[in-house]
PDB file of N, CA and C in Angstrom:
ATOM      1  N   MET A   1     117.280  84.583  95.049  1.00  0.00           N
ATOM      2  CA  MET A   1     117.530  85.838  94.352  1.00  0.00           C
ATOM      3  C   MET A   1     117.099  86.990  95.254  1.00  0.00           C
ATOM      4  N   PRO A   2     117.908  88.017  95.355  1.00  0.00           N
ATOM      5  CA  PRO A   2     117.545  89.165  96.204  1.00  0.00           C
ATOM      6  C   PRO A   2     116.242  89.826  95.736  1.00  0.00           C
ATOM      7  N   LYS A   3     115.497  90.330  96.701  1.00  0.00           N
ATOM      8  CA  LYS A   3     114.210  90.952  96.389  1.00  0.00           C
ATOM      9  C   LYS A   3     114.347  92.103  95.405  1.00  0.00           C
ATOM     10  N   GLN A   4     115.376  92.910  95.547  1.00  0.00           N
ATOM     11  CA  GLN A   4     115.537  94.061  94.651  1.00  0.00           C
ATOM     12  C   GLN A   4     115.748  93.600  93.212  1.00  0.00           C
ATOM     13  N   SER A   5     116.491  92.528  93.028  1.00  0.00           N
ATOM     14  CA  SER A   5     116.690  91.980  91.686  1.00  0.00           C
ATOM     15  C   SER A   5     115.372  91.477  91.118  1.00  0.00           C
ATOM     16  N   LEU A   6     114.591  90.819  91.949  1.00  0.00           N
ATOM     17  CA  LEU A   6     113.287  90.349  91.503  1.00  0.00           C
ATOM     18  C   LEU A   6     112.387  91.509  91.108  1.00  0.00           C
ATOM     19  N   LEU A   7     112.401  92.562  91.905  1.00  0.00           N
ATOM     20  CA  LEU A   7     111.573  93.725  91.573  1.00  0.00           C
ATOM     21  C   LEU A   7     111.983  94.343  90.241  1.00  0.00           C
ATOM     22  N   THR A   8     113.273  94.400  89.987  1.00  0.00           N
ATOM     23  CA  THR A   8     113.763  94.925  88.710  1.00  0.00           C
ATOM     24  C   THR A   8     113.305  94.055  87.555  1.00  0.00           C
ATOM     25  N   LEU A   9     113.441  92.749  87.705  1.00  0.00           N
ATOM     26  CA  LEU A   9     113.002  91.820  86.660  1.00  0.00           C
ATOM     27  C   LEU A   9     111.491  91.894  86.449  1.00  0.00           C
ATOM     28  N   ILE A  10     110.745  92.023  87.518  1.00  0.00           N
ATOM     29  CA  ILE A  10     109.292  92.134  87.424  1.00  0.00           C
ATOM     30  C   ILE A  10     108.911  93.377  86.629  1.00  0.00           C
ATOM     31  N   GLU A  11     109.535  94.483  86.931  1.00  0.00           N
ATOM     32  CA  GLU A  11     109.218  95.726  86.217  1.00  0.00           C
ATOM     33  C   GLU A  11     109.593  95.625  84.746  1.00  0.00           C
ATOM     34  N   GLN A  12     110.729  95.028  84.449  1.00  0.00           N
ATOM     35  CA  GLN A  12     111.133  94.850  83.050  1.00  0.00           C
ATOM     36  C   GLN A  12     110.151  93.954  82.303  1.00  0.00           C
ATOM     37  N   LYS A  13     109.744  92.866  82.944  1.00  0.00           N
ATOM     38  CA  LYS A  13     108.812  91.936  82.312  1.00  0.00           C
ATOM     39  C   LYS A  13     107.443  92.590  82.139  1.00  0.00           C
ATOM     40  N   ARG A  14     107.050  93.406  83.088  1.00  0.00           N
ATOM     41  CA  ARG A  14     105.770  94.113  82.995  1.00  0.00           C
ATOM     42  C   ARG A  14     105.772  95.066  81.800  1.00  0.00           C
ATOM     43  N   MET A  15     106.872  95.790  81.633  1.00  0.00           N
ATOM     44  CA  MET A  15     106.980  96.709  80.490  1.00  0.00           C
ATOM     45  C   MET A  15     106.992  95.937  79.170  1.00  0.00           C
ATOM     46  N   GLU A  16     107.668  94.802  79.163  1.00  0.00           N
ATOM     47  CA  GLU A  16     107.709  93.956  77.978  1.00  0.00           C
ATOM     48  C   GLU A  16     106.291  93.473  77.630  1.00  0.00           C
ATOM     49  N   LEU A  17     105.526  93.106  78.635  1.00  0.00           N
ATOM     50  CA  LEU A  17     104.160  92.646  78.411  1.00  0.00           C
ATOM     51  C   LEU A  17     103.295  93.760  77.838  1.00  0.00           C
ATOM     52  N   VAL A  18     103.411  94.951  78.389  1.00  0.00           N
ATOM     53  CA  VAL A  18     102.638  96.087  77.876  1.00  0.00           C
ATOM     54  C   VAL A  18     102.966  96.326  76.408  1.00  0.00           C
ATOM     55  N   ASP A  19     104.239  96.285  76.067  1.00  0.00           N
ATOM     56  CA  ASP A  19     104.655  96.508  74.678  1.00  0.00           C
ATOM     57  C   ASP A  19     104.099  95.436  73.750  1.00  0.00           C
ATOM     58  N   ILE A  20     104.227  94.185  74.139  1.00  0.00           N
ATOM     59  CA  ILE A  20     103.792  93.102  73.257  1.00  0.00           C
ATOM     60  C   ILE A  20     102.281  93.079  73.115  1.00  0.00           C
ATOM     61  N   VAL A  21     101.558  93.411  74.178  1.00  0.00           N
ATOM     62  CA  VAL A  21     100.096  93.467  74.098  1.00  0.00           C
ATOM     63  C   VAL A  21      99.669  94.574  73.140  1.00  0.00           C
ATOM     64  N   ALA A  22     100.352  95.702  73.180  1.00  0.00           N
ATOM     65  CA  ALA A  22     100.025  96.804  72.267  1.00  0.00           C
ATOM     66  C   ALA A  22     100.260  96.400  70.813  1.00  0.00           C
ATOM     67  N   LYS A  23     101.251  95.554  70.586  1.00  0.00           N
ATOM     68  CA  LYS A  23     101.599  95.152  69.221  1.00  0.00           C
ATOM     69  C   LYS A  23     100.794  93.960  68.726  1.00  0.00           C
ATOM     70  N   THR A  24     100.560  92.974  69.593  1.00  0.00           N
ATOM     71  CA  THR A  24      99.990  91.705  69.120  1.00  0.00           C
ATOM     72  C   THR A  24      98.638  91.362  69.715  1.00  0.00           C
ATOM     73  N   GLY A  25      98.210  92.091  70.729  1.00  0.00           N
ATOM     74  CA  GLY A  25      96.935  91.807  71.371  1.00  0.00           C
ATOM     75  C   GLY A  25      97.107  90.989  72.643  1.00  0.00           C
ATOM     76  N   LEU A  26      96.087  91.065  73.474  1.00  0.00           N
ATOM     77  CA  LEU A  26      96.145  90.457  74.802  1.00  0.00           C
ATOM     78  C   LEU A  26      96.197  88.934  74.762  1.00  0.00           C
ATOM     79  N   ASN A  27      95.545  88.327  73.780  1.00  0.00           N
ATOM     80  CA  ASN A  27      95.460  86.872  73.737  1.00  0.00           C
ATOM     81  C   ASN A  27      96.453  86.232  72.779  1.00  0.00           C
ATOM     82  N   SER A  28      97.430  86.982  72.328  1.00  0.00           N
ATOM     83  CA  SER A  28      98.422  86.420  71.410  1.00  0.00           C
ATOM     84  C   SER A  28      99.323  85.437  72.155  1.00  0.00           C
ATOM     85  N   PRO A  29      99.877  84.469  71.443  1.00  0.00           N
ATOM     86  CA  PRO A  29     100.799  83.520  72.087  1.00  0.00           C
ATOM     87  C   PRO A  29     101.987  84.220  72.755  1.00  0.00           C
ATOM     88  N   ALA A  30     102.504  85.263  72.129  1.00  0.00           N
ATOM     89  CA  ALA A  30     103.640  85.984  72.719  1.00  0.00           C
ATOM     90  C   ALA A  30     103.244  86.653  74.037  1.00  0.00           C
ATOM     91  N   ALA A  31     102.059  87.262  74.071  1.00  0.00           N
ATOM     92  CA  ALA A  31     101.587  87.908  75.299  1.00  0.00           C
ATOM     93  C   ALA A  31     101.344  86.875  76.393  1.00  0.00           C
ATOM     94  N   MET A  32     100.800  85.729  76.017  1.00  0.00           N
ATOM     95  CA  MET A  32     100.551  84.675  76.999  1.00  0.00           C
ATOM     96  C   MET A  32     101.863  84.163  77.594  1.00  0.00           C
ATOM     97  N   LYS A  33     102.871  84.012  76.756  1.00  0.00           N
ATOM     98  CA  LYS A  33     104.183  83.542  77.216  1.00  0.00           C
ATOM     99  C   LYS A  33     104.799  84.521  78.209  1.00  0.00           C
ATOM    100  N   ILE A  34     104.783  85.798  77.860  1.00  0.00           N
ATOM    101  CA  ILE A  34     105.368  86.812  78.739  1.00  0.00           C
ATOM    102  C   ILE A  34     104.562  86.924  80.029  1.00  0.00           C
ATOM    103  N   SER A  35     103.256  86.799  79.929  1.00  0.00           N
ATOM    104  CA  SER A  35     102.404  86.842  81.109  1.00  0.00           C
ATOM    105  C   SER A  35     102.747  85.716  82.078  1.00  0.00           C
ATOM    106  N   LYS A  36     102.973  84.531  81.545  1.00  0.00           N
ATOM    107  CA  LYS A  36     103.362  83.396  82.402  1.00  0.00           C
ATOM    108  C   LYS A  36     104.717  83.635  83.052  1.00  0.00           C
ATOM    109  N   GLU A  37     105.645  84.226  82.297  1.00  0.00           N
ATOM    110  CA  GLU A  37     106.961  84.546  82.860  1.00  0.00           C
ATOM    111  C   GLU A  37     106.824  85.561  83.987  1.00  0.00           C
ATOM    112  N   LEU A  38     105.958  86.552  83.788  1.00  0.00           N
ATOM    113  CA  LEU A  38     105.712  87.548  84.827  1.00  0.00           C
ATOM    114  C   LEU A  38     105.095  86.891  86.056  1.00  0.00           C
ATOM    115  N   ASP A  39     104.153  85.999  85.850  1.00  0.00           N
ATOM    116  CA  ASP A  39     103.548  85.270  86.974  1.00  0.00           C
ATOM    117  C   ASP A  39     104.607  84.521  87.777  1.00  0.00           C
ATOM    118  N   THR A  40     105.531  83.885  87.082  1.00  0.00           N
ATOM    119  CA  THR A  40     106.600  83.137  87.755  1.00  0.00           C
ATOM    120  C   THR A  40     107.450  84.070  88.614  1.00  0.00           C
ATOM    121  N   LEU A  41     107.790  85.226  88.073  1.00  0.00           N
ATOM    122  CA  LEU A  41     108.574  86.202  88.839  1.00  0.00           C
ATOM    123  C   LEU A  41     107.801  86.714  90.045  1.00  0.00           C
ATOM    124  N   LEU A  42     106.516  86.993  89.861  1.00  0.00           N
ATOM    125  CA  LEU A  42     105.698  87.474  90.976  1.00  0.00           C
ATOM    126  C   LEU A  42     105.574  86.417  92.067  1.00  0.00           C
ATOM    127  N   ASN A  43     105.428  85.161  91.671  1.00  0.00           N
ATOM    128  CA  ASN A  43     105.364  84.079  92.657  1.00  0.00           C
ATOM    129  C   ASN A  43     106.676  83.960  93.423  1.00  0.00           C
ATOM    130  N   ALA A  44     107.791  84.102  92.739  1.00  0.00           N
ATOM    131  CA  ALA A  44     109.100  84.043  93.397  1.00  0.00           C
ATOM    132  C   ALA A  44     109.235  85.189  94.405  1.00  0.00           C
ATOM    133  N   TYR A  45     108.764  86.366  94.030  1.00  0.00           N
ATOM    134  CA  TYR A  45     108.822  87.516  94.938  1.00  0.00           C
ATOM    135  C   TYR A  45     107.969  87.252  96.182  1.00  0.00           C
ATOM    136  N   GLN A  46     106.783  86.710  95.988  1.00  0.00           N
ATOM    137  CA  GLN A  46     105.918  86.409  97.129  1.00  0.00           C
ATOM    138  C   GLN A  46     106.536  85.365  98.043  1.00  0.00           C
ATOM    139  N   ARG A  47     107.208  84.366  97.462  1.00  0.00           N
ATOM    140  CA  ARG A  47     107.906  83.366  98.284  1.00  0.00           C
ATOM    141  C   ARG A  47     108.987  84.031  99.130  1.00  0.00           C
ATOM    142  N   GLU A  48     109.741  84.943  98.525  1.00  0.00           N
ATOM    143  CA  GLU A  48     110.779  85.670  99.269  1.00  0.00           C
ATOM    144  C   GLU A  48     110.169  86.455 100.422  1.00  0.00           C
ATOM    145  N   GLN A  49     109.048  87.107 100.155  1.00  0.00           N
ATOM    146  CA  GLN A  49     108.368  87.876 101.201  1.00  0.00           C
ATOM    147  C   GLN A  49     107.959  86.969 102.364  1.00  0.00           C
ATOM    148  N   ARG A  50     107.376  85.817 102.025  1.00  0.00           N
ATOM    149  CA  ARG A  50     106.948  84.867 103.063  1.00  0.00           C
ATOM    150  C   ARG A  50     108.132  84.365 103.867  1.00  0.00           C
ATOM    151  N   ASN A  51     109.228  84.036 103.178  1.00  0.00           N
ATOM    152  CA  ASN A  51     110.418  83.539 103.875  1.00  0.00           C
ATOM    153  C   ASN A  51     110.974  84.581 104.824  1.00  0.00           C
ATOM    154  N   GLU A  52     110.973  85.838 104.399  1.00  0.00           N
ATOM    155  CA  GLU A  52     111.460  86.910 105.275  1.00  0.00           C
ATOM    156  C   GLU A  52     110.594  87.037 106.518  1.00  0.00           C
ATOM    157  N   ARG A  53     109.276  86.952 106.330  1.00  0.00           N
ATOM    158  CA  ARG A  53     108.369  87.074 107.471  1.00  0.00           C
ATOM    159  C   ARG A  53     108.565  85.918 108.445  1.00  0.00           C
ATOM    160  N   LYS A  54     108.769  84.711 107.918  1.00  0.00           N
ATOM    161  CA  LYS A  54     108.988  83.549 108.773  1.00  0.00           C
ATOM    162  C   LYS A  54     110.269  83.706 109.570  1.00  0.00           C
ATOM    163  N   GLN A  55     111.314  84.215 108.929  1.00  0.00           N
ATOM    164  CA  GLN A  55     112.607  84.360 109.597  1.00  0.00           C
ATOM    165  C   GLN A  55     112.591  85.443 110.653  1.00  0.00           C
ATOM    166  N   SER A  56     111.775  86.475 110.441  1.00  0.00           N
ATOM    167  CA  SER A  56     111.761  87.575 111.400  1.00  0.00           C
ATOM    168  C   SER A  56     110.695  87.407 112.484  1.00  0.00           C
ATOM    169  N   ALA A  57     109.885  86.377 112.382  1.00  0.00           N
ATOM    170  CA  ALA A  57     108.841  86.146 113.390  1.00  0.00           C
ATOM    171  C   ALA A  57     109.485  85.715 114.696  1.00  0.00           C
ATOM    172  N   PRO A  58     108.936  86.225 115.808  1.00  0.00           N
ATOM    173  CA  PRO A  58     109.457  85.811 117.121  1.00  0.00           C
ATOM    174  C   PRO A  58     109.190  84.327 117.362  1.00  0.00           C
ATOM    175  N   ARG A  59     110.126  83.703 118.031  1.00  0.00           N
ATOM    176  CA  ARG A  59     110.004  82.256 118.295  1.00  0.00           C
ATOM    177  C   ARG A  59     109.771  81.981 119.739  1.00  0.00           C
TER     178      ARG A  59
END
């Protein structure tokens, strides 16, 4: 997935998390679920960053 798409999804998920935490609390099952989804997106973004660095490194 392109980095820009990941960044968009990350920002959307972050806003969703803020909203749900305000409504249900930080430790609610819904907040925990969205938090895990955000973690997955952030990990995917970091993998993309690492792959780009590996590809652009001099050989």
